[in-house]
Protein backbone atom coordinates (compact mmCIF):
# COMPACT_ATOMS: atom_id res chain seq x y z
CA MET A 1 14.29 -13.32 50.79
CA SER A 2 11.32 -15.51 51.55
CA PHE A 3 8.68 -13.51 49.66
CA SER A 4 7.40 -14.89 46.37
CA ILE A 5 5.57 -11.76 45.20
CA ILE A 6 6.99 -8.29 44.59
CA GLN A 7 4.42 -5.56 44.03
CA GLY A 8 5.75 -3.37 41.24
CA GLY A 9 6.90 0.18 41.90
CA MET A 10 4.74 1.92 39.32
CA GLY A 11 4.56 5.31 37.66
CA VAL A 12 4.56 8.49 39.69
CA GLY A 13 2.90 7.70 43.01
CA VAL A 14 0.66 4.89 41.72
CA SER A 15 2.33 2.44 44.07
CA ASP A 16 2.16 4.77 47.04
CA TRP A 17 2.62 4.01 50.73
CA LYS A 18 -0.94 2.72 51.17
CA LEU A 19 -0.50 0.03 48.52
CA ALA A 20 2.99 -0.96 49.65
CA ASN A 21 1.84 -1.13 53.26
CA ALA A 22 -1.05 -3.43 52.34
CA VAL A 23 1.23 -5.85 50.47
CA SER A 24 4.03 -5.82 53.04
CA ARG A 25 1.55 -6.66 55.81
CA ARG A 26 0.95 -9.96 54.03
CA GLY A 27 4.64 -10.89 54.11
CA HIS A 28 5.43 -10.00 50.50
CA LEU A 29 7.48 -7.09 49.17
CA GLY A 30 5.47 -3.88 48.97
CA VAL A 31 7.23 -1.28 46.85
CA VAL A 32 6.72 2.47 46.64
CA SER A 33 7.58 4.41 43.53
CA GLY A 34 10.43 6.86 44.18
CA THR A 35 9.90 8.80 40.96
CA GLY A 36 9.02 12.46 41.46
CA LEU A 37 8.35 12.08 45.18
CA ALA A 38 9.47 15.64 45.94
CA VAL A 39 6.60 16.99 43.83
CA VAL A 40 4.17 14.36 45.15
CA LEU A 41 4.89 15.49 48.72
CA ALA A 42 4.64 19.19 47.88
CA ARG A 43 1.30 18.75 46.12
CA ARG A 44 -0.20 16.51 48.79
CA LEU A 45 0.63 19.19 51.34
CA GLN A 46 -1.01 21.82 49.15
CA LEU A 47 -4.16 19.69 49.14
CA GLY A 48 -4.29 19.89 52.92
CA ASP A 49 -2.82 16.48 53.86
CA LEU A 50 -6.27 15.09 54.65
CA GLY A 51 -5.91 12.51 57.40
CA GLY A 52 -2.66 14.07 58.57
CA HIS A 53 -0.53 11.10 57.51
CA ILE A 54 2.22 13.13 55.89
CA ARG A 55 2.59 15.44 58.85
CA ARG A 56 2.61 12.45 61.20
CA ALA A 57 5.52 10.93 59.28
CA MET A 58 7.31 14.29 59.10
CA GLU A 59 7.33 14.47 62.89
CA HIS A 60 9.71 11.49 62.86
CA PHE A 61 12.20 13.00 60.41
CA PRO A 62 15.50 12.99 62.30
CA ILE A 63 17.17 16.12 60.89
CA ALA A 64 16.09 19.27 62.67
CA GLY A 65 14.41 22.10 60.82
CA VAL A 66 13.79 20.34 57.50
CA ALA A 67 10.18 19.29 58.03
CA GLN A 68 9.29 22.69 59.49
CA ARG A 69 10.71 24.53 56.46
CA VAL A 70 8.85 22.30 54.00
CA LEU A 71 5.58 22.67 55.92
CA LYS A 72 5.92 26.45 55.94
CA GLU A 73 6.53 26.52 52.20
CA PHE A 74 3.88 24.08 50.95
CA PHE A 75 1.23 23.18 53.53
CA ILE A 76 -2.22 24.69 53.03
CA PRO A 77 -4.44 23.84 56.01
CA GLY A 78 -8.10 22.87 55.86
CA ASN A 79 -9.14 21.51 52.49
CA GLY A 80 -6.03 22.78 50.77
CA LYS A 81 -5.83 24.91 47.66
CA ALA A 82 -8.92 25.78 45.65
CA PRO A 83 -9.58 23.27 42.82
CA ASP A 84 -9.23 25.98 40.16
CA LYS A 85 -5.89 27.24 41.46
CA PRO A 86 -2.55 25.87 40.25
CA PHE A 87 -0.12 23.99 42.42
CA ARG A 88 2.93 25.95 43.43
CA HIS A 89 5.70 25.37 40.91
CA THR A 90 8.49 23.00 41.92
CA ARG A 91 11.69 23.16 39.89
CA GLY A 92 12.83 20.08 38.04
CA PRO A 93 16.03 18.29 39.05
CA GLU A 94 19.21 20.27 38.33
CA LEU A 95 22.84 19.26 38.62
CA HIS A 96 23.65 21.71 41.41
CA GLU A 97 20.59 21.56 43.62
CA ALA A 98 19.91 24.26 46.19
CA ARG A 99 19.42 23.10 49.76
CA PRO A 100 15.60 23.54 49.73
CA ALA A 101 15.28 21.22 46.73
CA THR A 102 17.49 18.62 48.38
CA ASP A 103 15.50 18.88 51.60
CA LEU A 104 12.27 18.25 49.74
CA THR A 105 13.69 15.16 48.01
CA VAL A 106 15.19 13.65 51.17
CA LEU A 107 12.06 14.34 53.22
CA ALA A 108 9.67 13.04 50.54
CA ASN A 109 11.46 9.71 50.29
CA PHE A 110 11.58 9.41 54.07
CA VAL A 111 7.85 10.08 54.41
CA GLU A 112 6.80 7.58 51.73
CA VAL A 113 8.91 4.75 53.13
CA PHE A 114 8.06 5.58 56.75
CA LEU A 115 4.33 5.32 56.03
CA ALA A 116 4.77 2.16 53.96
CA LYS A 117 6.58 0.50 56.89
CA GLU A 118 4.26 1.80 59.60
CA GLY A 119 2.34 -0.72 61.71
CA HIS A 120 3.86 -4.02 60.58
CA ALA A 121 7.14 -5.95 60.47
CA GLY A 122 7.16 -6.68 56.73
CA LYS A 123 9.75 -5.62 54.17
CA VAL A 124 9.37 -2.50 52.02
CA GLY A 125 11.17 -1.53 48.84
CA VAL A 126 11.46 1.61 46.77
CA ASN A 127 11.76 1.73 42.99
CA TYR A 128 13.81 4.28 41.02
CA LEU A 129 14.69 4.83 37.36
CA GLU A 130 18.40 4.87 36.56
CA LYS A 131 17.81 7.41 33.80
CA ILE A 132 16.58 9.98 36.36
CA GLN A 133 20.01 10.46 37.87
CA ILE A 134 20.17 13.84 39.55
CA PRO A 135 17.90 13.22 42.58
CA THR A 136 19.11 9.63 43.10
CA LEU A 137 21.54 10.07 46.00
CA ALA A 138 19.33 12.38 48.05
CA SER A 139 16.42 10.00 47.39
CA PHE A 140 18.43 7.03 48.62
CA PHE A 141 19.41 8.84 51.80
CA GLY A 142 15.83 9.80 52.62
CA ALA A 143 14.58 6.26 52.05
CA MET A 144 17.42 4.82 54.12
CA LEU A 145 16.65 7.20 57.00
CA ALA A 146 13.21 5.55 57.08
CA GLY A 147 14.70 2.04 57.08
CA VAL A 148 13.93 0.95 53.52
CA ASP A 149 14.72 -2.75 53.05
CA PHE A 150 15.16 -2.96 49.26
CA VAL A 151 16.09 -0.60 46.45
CA LEU A 152 14.91 -1.61 42.98
CA MET A 153 16.21 0.12 39.88
CA GLY A 154 15.80 -0.31 36.14
CA ALA A 155 15.62 1.80 32.95
CA GLY A 156 19.38 1.90 32.53
CA ILE A 157 22.57 0.17 33.64
CA PRO A 158 22.86 0.78 37.40
CA ARG A 159 26.46 -0.37 37.78
CA PHE A 160 27.38 2.25 40.34
CA ILE A 161 24.29 2.06 42.51
CA PRO A 162 25.47 -0.73 44.87
CA GLY A 163 28.59 1.26 45.78
CA ALA A 164 26.52 4.37 46.39
CA LEU A 165 24.31 2.47 48.82
CA ASP A 166 27.42 1.15 50.58
CA ALA A 167 28.86 4.65 51.00
CA LEU A 168 25.63 6.17 52.31
CA ALA A 169 25.22 3.33 54.80
CA GLN A 170 28.70 4.13 56.09
CA GLY A 171 28.03 7.86 56.28
CA ARG A 172 30.58 8.64 53.57
CA PRO A 173 30.27 11.22 50.77
CA VAL A 174 29.39 9.74 47.40
CA GLN A 175 29.06 10.89 43.84
CA LEU A 176 27.40 9.52 40.72
CA ALA A 177 28.23 10.27 37.11
CA VAL A 178 25.49 12.11 35.23
CA ASN A 179 24.96 11.52 31.54
CA VAL A 180 25.43 14.84 29.72
CA ALA A 181 25.03 14.92 25.94
CA GLY A 182 27.92 16.52 24.07
CA THR A 183 30.51 15.96 26.80
CA LEU A 184 34.04 16.52 25.47
CA PRO A 185 36.88 14.03 25.95
CA GLY A 186 38.21 14.24 29.49
CA GLU A 187 35.10 15.98 30.84
CA SER A 188 32.75 14.48 33.37
CA TYR A 189 29.74 15.66 35.31
CA THR A 190 28.64 14.28 38.64
CA THR A 191 26.07 14.71 41.36
CA GLN A 192 27.24 14.49 44.98
CA PHE A 193 25.77 13.86 48.41
CA ASP A 194 27.63 14.07 51.71
CA PRO A 195 25.61 12.75 54.69
CA VAL A 196 27.85 14.55 57.22
CA ALA A 197 27.57 17.91 55.48
CA TYR A 198 23.84 17.48 54.96
CA CYS A 199 23.25 16.64 58.63
CA ALA A 200 25.77 19.25 59.85
CA GLY A 201 27.48 16.52 61.84
CA ALA A 202 27.42 12.77 62.26
CA PRO A 203 24.40 11.44 60.33
CA PRO A 204 21.91 9.04 61.89
CA SER A 205 22.91 5.40 61.61
CA VAL A 206 21.28 3.73 58.59
CA ARG A 207 21.60 0.24 57.16
CA ARG A 208 22.33 -0.68 53.60
CA PRO A 209 19.22 -1.93 51.78
CA ALA A 210 19.42 -4.92 49.47
CA PHE A 211 19.69 -3.98 45.80
CA LEU A 212 17.57 -5.61 43.07
CA ALA A 213 18.35 -4.64 39.48
CA ILE A 214 15.52 -4.69 36.95
CA ILE A 215 16.91 -6.23 33.78
CA SER A 216 15.67 -7.58 30.46
CA SER A 217 18.68 -9.64 29.33
CA ALA A 218 21.21 -12.10 30.66
CA THR A 219 23.98 -9.87 29.31
CA LEU A 220 22.95 -7.02 31.59
CA ALA A 221 22.53 -9.38 34.54
CA MET A 222 26.05 -10.74 34.04
CA THR A 223 27.49 -7.24 33.65
CA LEU A 224 25.95 -6.10 36.91
CA ALA A 225 26.83 -9.25 38.83
CA ARG A 226 30.47 -9.10 37.75
CA LYS A 227 31.25 -5.42 37.20
CA ALA A 228 29.05 -3.42 39.57
CA ASN A 229 30.98 -1.48 42.22
CA GLY A 230 29.24 -3.30 45.05
CA ARG A 231 26.94 -6.17 45.88
CA VAL A 232 23.95 -6.89 43.65
CA ASP A 233 21.47 -8.92 45.69
CA GLY A 234 19.16 -10.13 42.94
CA PHE A 235 17.32 -9.39 39.71
CA ILE A 236 13.85 -8.72 38.41
CA VAL A 237 13.68 -10.10 34.88
CA GLU A 238 11.16 -7.92 33.09
CA GLY A 239 9.68 -8.71 29.68
CA ALA A 240 8.23 -6.45 27.02
CA THR A 241 4.66 -7.22 28.10
CA ALA A 242 5.16 -5.29 31.36
CA GLY A 243 3.72 -1.80 31.74
CA GLY A 244 5.65 1.47 31.78
CA HIS A 245 8.93 1.84 29.92
CA ASN A 246 10.14 -1.22 28.04
CA ALA A 247 13.65 -1.97 26.88
CA PRO A 248 13.89 -1.36 23.11
CA PRO A 249 14.11 -4.45 20.88
CA ARG A 250 17.59 -5.70 20.16
CA GLY A 251 18.82 -5.10 16.63
CA PRO A 252 17.31 -2.81 13.97
CA MET A 253 13.95 -1.34 14.96
CA GLN A 254 11.00 -2.91 13.18
CA ALA A 255 7.36 -1.97 13.74
CA ASN A 256 3.99 -3.61 13.25
CA ALA A 257 1.02 -2.02 11.50
CA ARG A 258 0.21 0.04 14.62
CA GLY A 259 3.75 1.40 14.84
CA GLU A 260 4.65 -0.77 17.83
CA PRO A 261 8.19 -2.13 18.09
CA ILE A 262 8.42 -5.81 17.23
CA TYR A 263 10.20 -8.02 19.76
CA GLY A 264 11.77 -11.27 18.63
CA PRO A 265 13.84 -14.23 19.84
CA ARG A 266 16.84 -12.02 20.63
CA ASP A 267 14.73 -10.21 23.23
CA ILE A 268 14.01 -13.37 25.24
CA PRO A 269 16.48 -13.50 28.16
CA ASP A 270 18.70 -16.56 28.51
CA MET A 271 17.38 -17.90 31.79
CA GLN A 272 20.08 -20.55 32.07
CA LYS A 273 22.78 -17.86 32.19
CA ILE A 274 20.78 -15.88 34.73
CA ARG A 275 20.35 -18.97 36.92
CA GLU A 276 24.08 -19.64 36.73
CA LEU A 277 24.80 -16.33 38.44
CA GLY A 278 23.45 -17.88 41.63
CA LEU A 279 21.45 -14.82 42.68
CA PRO A 280 17.71 -14.81 43.41
CA PHE A 281 15.50 -13.50 40.64
CA TRP A 282 11.83 -12.71 40.07
CA MET A 283 10.00 -12.84 36.73
CA ALA A 284 7.90 -9.87 35.58
CA GLY A 285 5.53 -9.12 32.74
CA GLY A 286 2.36 -11.20 32.40
CA TYR A 287 2.96 -13.47 35.41
CA ALA A 288 -0.11 -12.62 37.49
CA THR A 289 -1.63 -16.10 37.77
CA PRO A 290 -1.00 -18.96 40.19
CA GLU A 291 0.10 -21.09 37.25
CA LYS A 292 2.67 -18.55 36.06
CA LEU A 293 3.96 -18.15 39.62
CA ALA A 294 4.40 -21.92 39.90
CA ALA A 295 6.05 -22.07 36.47
CA ALA A 296 8.47 -19.28 37.33
CA GLN A 297 9.46 -21.03 40.54
CA ALA A 298 9.83 -24.32 38.67
CA MET A 299 12.49 -22.75 36.47
CA GLY A 300 14.42 -21.41 39.44
CA ALA A 301 12.84 -18.02 40.17
CA ALA A 302 12.17 -16.93 43.73
CA GLY A 303 8.82 -15.65 42.52
CA ILE A 304 7.24 -12.94 40.40
CA GLN A 305 6.81 -9.19 40.25
CA VAL A 306 3.24 -8.04 39.59
CA GLY A 307 2.40 -4.51 38.50
CA THR A 308 -0.79 -4.02 36.51
CA ALA A 309 -2.98 -6.08 38.86
CA PHE A 310 -1.96 -3.89 41.79
CA ALA A 311 -2.11 -0.66 39.78
CA PHE A 312 -5.90 -0.79 39.56
CA CYS A 313 -6.69 -2.17 43.02
CA ALA A 314 -8.42 -0.04 45.65
CA GLU A 315 -5.19 0.89 47.49
CA SER A 316 -3.35 2.28 44.47
CA ALA A 317 -3.21 6.05 44.07
CA ILE A 318 -4.71 6.22 40.58
CA ASP A 319 -7.64 8.64 40.64
CA PRO A 320 -10.65 6.50 41.73
CA ALA A 321 -12.91 7.78 38.93
CA VAL A 322 -10.27 6.98 36.31
CA LYS A 323 -9.70 3.57 37.89
CA GLN A 324 -13.40 2.75 37.59
CA ARG A 325 -13.39 3.73 33.91
CA VAL A 326 -10.48 1.38 33.28
CA LEU A 327 -12.18 -1.48 35.11
CA ALA A 328 -15.42 -0.91 33.20
CA GLN A 329 -13.52 -0.91 29.91
CA CYS A 330 -11.78 -4.16 30.83
CA LEU A 331 -15.01 -5.84 31.90
CA ALA A 332 -16.54 -4.87 28.56
CA GLY A 333 -13.66 -6.57 26.76
CA LYS A 334 -12.48 -3.30 25.25
CA SER A 335 -9.08 -2.83 26.88
CA ASP A 336 -6.27 -1.91 24.52
CA VAL A 337 -2.61 -1.26 25.26
CA LEU A 338 -0.35 0.32 22.66
CA THR A 339 3.41 0.04 22.93
CA ASP A 340 4.14 3.58 21.79
CA ALA A 341 7.65 3.99 20.42
CA ASN A 342 7.42 7.80 20.46
CA ALA A 343 5.42 8.84 23.53
CA SER A 344 8.23 8.97 26.08
CA PRO A 345 10.79 11.79 25.97
CA THR A 346 13.40 9.16 26.87
CA GLY A 347 13.06 7.37 23.53
CA PHE A 348 12.22 4.09 25.29
CA PRO A 349 9.02 2.33 24.16
CA PHE A 350 6.20 3.13 26.58
CA LYS A 351 3.04 1.11 27.17
CA VAL A 352 -0.01 3.38 26.85
CA LEU A 353 -3.50 2.27 27.87
CA GLN A 354 -5.94 3.58 25.29
CA LEU A 355 -8.66 5.42 27.25
CA PRO A 356 -10.97 8.05 25.71
CA GLY A 357 -10.47 11.55 27.05
CA THR A 358 -6.86 11.00 28.07
CA ALA A 359 -3.66 11.94 26.26
CA SER A 360 -3.83 8.59 24.47
CA ASP A 361 -6.41 10.34 22.23
CA VAL A 362 -4.79 12.11 19.30
CA ASP A 363 -7.17 15.07 19.68
CA VAL A 364 -6.36 15.48 23.39
CA TYR A 365 -2.63 15.23 22.70
CA GLN A 366 -2.71 17.77 19.87
CA ALA A 367 -4.87 20.22 21.83
CA ARG A 368 -2.36 20.44 24.67
CA ARG A 369 0.03 23.38 24.58
CA ARG A 370 3.56 21.97 24.69
CA ILE A 371 5.27 22.83 27.94
CA CYS A 372 8.01 21.22 30.02
CA ASP A 373 7.81 22.58 33.56
CA MET A 374 8.53 19.51 35.67
CA GLY A 375 11.69 18.24 34.03
CA TYR A 376 12.17 14.75 35.41
CA LEU A 377 12.74 13.22 31.96
CA ARG A 378 14.81 16.08 30.53
CA GLU A 379 18.16 15.38 28.95
CA ALA A 380 21.18 17.24 30.33
CA TYR A 381 23.40 18.65 27.61
CA ARG A 382 26.67 20.56 27.42
CA ARG A 383 26.42 24.17 26.34
CA GLU A 384 29.26 25.67 24.34
CA ASN A 385 30.66 27.35 27.46
CA GLY A 386 30.83 24.04 29.36
CA THR A 387 27.83 24.65 31.59
CA VAL A 388 24.93 22.21 31.67
CA GLY A 389 21.55 22.93 30.12
CA TYR A 390 18.40 20.87 29.99
CA ARG A 391 16.14 19.99 27.08
CA CYS A 392 13.14 17.75 26.51
CA PRO A 393 11.68 16.49 23.23
CA SER A 394 8.24 17.24 24.69
CA GLU A 395 8.92 20.95 25.21
CA PRO A 396 8.01 23.54 22.55
CA VAL A 397 9.73 22.46 19.36
CA GLU A 398 11.48 25.78 18.72
CA GLN A 399 12.96 25.78 22.23
CA TYR A 400 14.21 22.22 21.83
CA VAL A 401 15.85 23.03 18.50
CA LEU A 402 17.52 26.16 19.93
CA LYS A 403 19.10 23.89 22.53
CA GLY A 404 20.60 21.67 19.84
CA GLY A 405 17.82 19.09 19.64
CA ALA A 406 16.55 17.57 16.39
CA VAL A 407 13.02 18.30 15.18
CA ALA A 408 12.54 14.61 14.37
CA ASP A 409 12.93 13.74 18.05
CA THR A 410 9.90 15.85 18.99
CA VAL A 411 7.36 14.03 16.82
CA GLY A 412 4.73 12.27 18.89
CA ARG A 413 6.44 13.01 22.20
CA LYS A 414 4.13 13.41 25.16
CA CYS A 415 4.69 15.12 28.49
CA LEU A 416 4.78 12.04 30.71
CA CYS A 417 5.68 14.07 33.79
CA ASN A 418 2.49 16.15 33.86
CA ALA A 419 0.33 13.25 32.68
CA LEU A 420 1.57 10.83 35.33
CA PHE A 421 0.83 13.34 38.08
CA ALA A 422 -2.66 13.77 36.62
CA ASN A 423 -3.16 10.00 36.90
CA ILE A 424 -3.00 10.24 40.70
CA GLY A 425 -5.19 13.29 41.17
CA LEU A 426 -2.34 15.79 41.24
CA ALA A 427 -2.90 17.40 37.83
CA GLN A 428 -1.59 20.90 37.32
CA VAL A 429 -4.15 23.62 36.59
CA ARG A 430 -2.96 26.15 34.03
CA ASN A 431 -3.56 29.89 34.26
CA ASP A 432 -6.12 29.66 31.46
CA GLY A 433 -8.11 27.09 33.46
CA THR A 434 -7.09 24.03 31.49
CA VAL A 435 -6.15 20.94 33.50
CA GLU A 436 -3.43 18.47 32.54
CA SER A 437 -4.79 15.18 31.15
CA CYS A 438 -4.02 11.65 32.29
CA LEU A 439 -1.92 9.17 30.32
CA LEU A 440 -2.19 5.71 31.83
CA THR A 441 0.27 2.90 31.43
CA ALA A 442 -0.51 -0.77 31.90
CA GLY A 443 0.90 -4.14 30.95
CA ASP A 444 -0.70 -6.30 28.28
CA ASP A 445 -2.25 -8.35 31.08
CA VAL A 446 -4.74 -5.55 31.87
CA GLU A 447 -7.25 -7.36 29.64
CA ASN A 448 -7.48 -10.09 32.28
CA ILE A 449 -7.99 -7.80 35.25
CA GLU A 450 -11.49 -9.11 35.93
CA ARG A 451 -9.91 -12.23 37.44
CA PHE A 452 -9.26 -10.24 40.63
CA LEU A 453 -12.81 -8.99 41.10
CA PRO A 454 -14.80 -10.79 43.80
CA PRO A 455 -18.21 -12.01 42.55
CA GLY A 456 -20.66 -9.16 42.16
CA GLN A 457 -18.04 -6.47 42.87
CA THR A 458 -16.78 -3.65 40.64
CA SER A 459 -13.53 -3.06 42.53
CA TYR A 460 -10.93 -5.20 44.25
CA THR A 461 -8.18 -4.88 46.85
CA ALA A 462 -4.52 -5.77 47.18
CA ASP A 463 -5.64 -8.68 49.35
CA ASP A 464 -7.81 -9.94 46.49
CA VAL A 465 -4.77 -9.93 44.19
CA LEU A 466 -2.62 -11.78 46.71
CA ASN A 467 -5.34 -14.29 47.53
CA TYR A 468 -5.76 -15.08 43.85
CA LEU A 469 -2.04 -15.42 43.16
CA LEU A 470 -1.41 -17.61 46.20
CA GLN A 471 -4.17 -20.12 45.57
CA PRO A 472 -3.10 -23.58 44.36
CA PRO A 473 -2.40 -23.52 40.63
CA THR A 474 -4.44 -25.53 38.18
CA PRO A 475 -2.24 -28.52 37.25
CA VAL A 476 -0.76 -28.28 33.76
CA PRO A 477 2.00 -30.31 32.08
CA SER A 478 5.34 -28.90 33.19
CA GLN A 479 6.59 -28.26 29.67
CA GLN A 480 3.43 -26.33 28.81
CA ALA A 481 3.77 -24.20 31.94
CA LEU A 482 7.40 -23.41 31.20
CA ALA A 483 6.59 -22.59 27.57
CA SER A 484 4.07 -20.03 28.78
CA THR A 485 6.91 -17.99 30.30
CA SER A 486 9.01 -17.89 27.14
CA THR A 487 8.00 -14.36 26.12
CA ALA A 488 9.05 -12.77 29.40
C-alpha cells in the first residue's frame, strides 16, 4: 500500500467515478461512494447518459441480460427526461429484494468502479456505510466484478465484512445479519447473496479486495483486528472534524450553545494502541496540508484521507452552481459548518454546511413536506406478526408513531436521502412542481479551501489538491506538528 493519500468516499455520488479516476491516475487511492448507487445509476440513465459513459461500462457487464433489462426500464434517449418531470420511483432497500432491485444494485456498483478504473493502472476503492446493511452484499459483488481494489467501511462495527468479502471472492453464498429493532430472543434476520444462483451457474472469477475499516477509537480498531471474521487490512482513523456522519461523543451527551455535541479527551483515539496492532492506518479529519501529512507519517501513519478538499474540486459531482456558491462563501470568509446532532435519521451527529437556500435554512426545512420515499436510512423493525417493517424519523410524524417510533425522535430530522441526491443534480421533482433542496456536508476544514485555488482562479482540480498536499512541508518543530494532530 504505497499511496499516502486516500480521497474520501463522500456522500451520495459526490466522489463519483470521475473524481476517483483522476486521483487514482496519480498513484493515490481514488474512492467512489457506494451509497445509493442503484438510484444514482437509474437517474443518470433517465437524464440521457450524456457522453455515453454509463452505457459503455454496461457493455462490459459479464452477466447476460442484466444491462439490457436496466436500460429498457430506465434509459431515456436524447436529453433525457424533461426538467419538470419527476424521476421514476426506485424502491428503497428491503430485506427480501426482488431480482430487478438486486440487478440494479449489482450493475450500478460495477459501472461506477469500472469507470473509475478505466484508462490507468492505479488502485480504486469503494466506500460503504455499515448502517446501510441490506444492499451491502449485492453492492460488494458488483464492485468486485469490476475489479475493485479496496473496500472502505465505517458508520458501524463491520466485524463480519471481511468474511463476506472472502466468501464472495470464492464464489460461495454468504449472509449478513441485519439489525431489526424489537427482535425477540432467539430471532435473527439476515440478508443473503449467492453468486452461483445470481449468475445461474459458475460466477466470473473475482479477487478479494483489501478491507479498510473507518474507525474513531483504538477500542474499535482492536475489536476488528482481533475479532473480525476475516482479514482486516488497515484502518482510517477519522476524527470529529471530518465531514458527513461523525461518531457520537463518548459518555453523556453534552452540547455547546449552538446545540453541537461536545467532544473531549475520551474521544481522542489512543494512537499507540493503534500502532501496536501492526496494520497500516491513515489519519482523517483536518489533515489536508503538507505539514499534517508529514506529521501523520511521523507518528506511524501510512498517510492521510482527505475529503472536503476533493468534495469541492472540479471533478466532484456536486452541482457546479452549488459548488461555486460554496467556494465564493469560503473566499469571503463566511463558511460555517454546524455539527447537527438531530439532522440525520440515524441519530449520528452530521456535519451540515450552512448555505442559504438549502435545507440548512430553518425556513427551507420547515417548508418541506415530510416524505420518506428513498429509504436508505430507514430503520428495520419487527412487527407484531414477526414480519419486518421500515420506519424513518424523517417521515411524516404520524406514520412514524404508528410504526412504534417516538415523537421525540422526529424533532429536527431531515431527509438526508433526498437532499444528498439534490446535491449532485439528481433532485426529485414533486407532482406539485417543488424540487428537493440540497443539504451539503463538509468538514471543519472547508474554511481553508482557498489554499487549493491557483492564483486568479475561482475553481480548482483534483490535481491542484494533490500538488498542494505533496509539496514539501514547511519545517516546524516535531512536537508542535504532532500536537496539531491531537484532535483527530
